[in-house]
């Protein structure tokens, strides 16, 4: 997997993970994130899991948090994998 570490939208991504934890309590806490092969974000969590967050969601949420839906959070929560 070819990924580049970044700090783009770090605050938004961290907040999204904290909210997604309500849908998957096994999610760890934000550690760092990378731009993945789809130009979205792969996020490494404190418990050696990761989640995927779309770039568009991170961008939009950073300027207008009210756009966030429960479906967005469920998608993040359900994307967890072993990092």
Protein backbone atom coordinates (compact mmCIF):
# COMPACT_ATOMS: atom_id res chain seq x y z
CA UNK A 1 0.00 0.00 0.00
CA UNK A 2 1.54 3.29 -1.12
CA UNK A 3 0.53 6.05 1.30
CA UNK A 4 1.87 9.51 2.11
CA UNK A 5 1.56 10.86 5.65
CA UNK A 6 -0.22 14.22 5.85
CA UNK A 7 -1.68 16.64 8.37
CA UNK A 8 -4.44 17.92 6.06
CA UNK A 9 -7.78 18.24 7.88
CA UNK A 10 -6.29 16.66 11.01
CA UNK A 11 -8.76 18.31 13.38
CA UNK A 12 -11.77 17.32 11.28
CA UNK A 13 -10.53 13.74 10.95
CA UNK A 14 -9.90 13.42 14.68
CA UNK A 15 -13.40 14.75 15.42
CA UNK A 16 -14.98 12.38 12.90
CA UNK A 17 -13.28 9.41 14.55
CA UNK A 18 -14.45 10.50 17.99
CA UNK A 19 -18.03 10.69 16.68
CA UNK A 20 -17.75 7.37 14.80
CA UNK A 21 -16.71 5.68 18.05
CA UNK A 22 -20.40 5.86 19.07
CA UNK A 23 -21.06 3.35 16.27
CA UNK A 24 -17.98 1.21 16.92
CA UNK A 25 -16.64 1.45 20.49
CA UNK A 26 -13.59 -0.61 19.45
CA UNK A 27 -12.12 2.30 17.50
CA UNK A 28 -8.95 3.65 19.03
CA UNK A 29 -7.91 7.27 19.07
CA UNK A 30 -6.39 9.25 16.22
CA UNK A 31 -2.62 8.86 15.78
CA UNK A 32 -1.84 9.92 12.20
CA UNK A 33 -3.30 9.76 8.73
CA UNK A 34 -2.18 9.17 5.19
CA UNK A 35 -3.34 9.96 1.69
CA UNK A 36 -4.15 6.56 0.22
CA UNK A 37 -4.18 5.25 -3.35
CA UNK A 38 -7.71 6.67 -3.88
CA UNK A 39 -6.63 10.12 -2.64
CA UNK A 40 -8.83 9.64 0.43
CA UNK A 41 -7.50 9.24 3.96
CA UNK A 42 -6.39 6.11 5.77
CA UNK A 43 -6.19 6.84 9.49
CA UNK A 44 -4.00 4.95 11.95
CA UNK A 45 -5.60 4.59 15.36
CA UNK A 46 -4.00 4.06 18.77
CA UNK A 47 -5.05 0.39 18.95
CA UNK A 48 -3.37 -0.62 15.64
CA UNK A 49 -6.60 -0.38 13.73
CA UNK A 50 -7.31 1.99 10.91
CA UNK A 51 -10.33 3.57 9.28
CA UNK A 52 -10.95 5.18 5.93
CA UNK A 53 -12.38 8.68 5.60
CA UNK A 54 -13.19 10.27 2.27
CA UNK A 55 -11.32 13.44 1.42
CA UNK A 56 -14.59 15.14 0.45
CA UNK A 57 -16.17 14.36 3.82
CA UNK A 58 -13.11 15.68 5.70
CA UNK A 59 -13.04 18.85 3.58
CA UNK A 60 -16.77 19.51 3.87
CA UNK A 61 -16.92 18.69 7.60
CA UNK A 62 -14.00 21.06 8.29
CA UNK A 63 -15.97 24.04 6.92
CA UNK A 64 -19.55 22.97 7.67
CA UNK A 65 -19.89 20.34 10.43
CA UNK A 66 -23.69 20.29 9.99
CA UNK A 67 -23.31 18.27 6.75
CA UNK A 68 -22.38 15.18 8.76
CA UNK A 69 -24.91 12.34 8.64
CA UNK A 70 -25.32 9.18 10.67
CA UNK A 71 -24.57 7.24 7.48
CA UNK A 72 -21.20 9.02 7.21
CA UNK A 73 -20.33 8.00 10.76
CA UNK A 74 -21.49 4.41 10.25
CA UNK A 75 -19.37 4.17 7.11
CA UNK A 76 -16.29 5.32 9.04
CA UNK A 77 -17.05 2.98 11.94
CA UNK A 78 -17.57 0.01 9.62
CA UNK A 79 -14.37 0.63 7.65
CA UNK A 80 -12.13 -0.47 10.54
CA UNK A 81 -9.32 -2.89 9.70
CA UNK A 82 -6.05 -4.07 11.26
CA UNK A 83 -3.42 -1.48 10.33
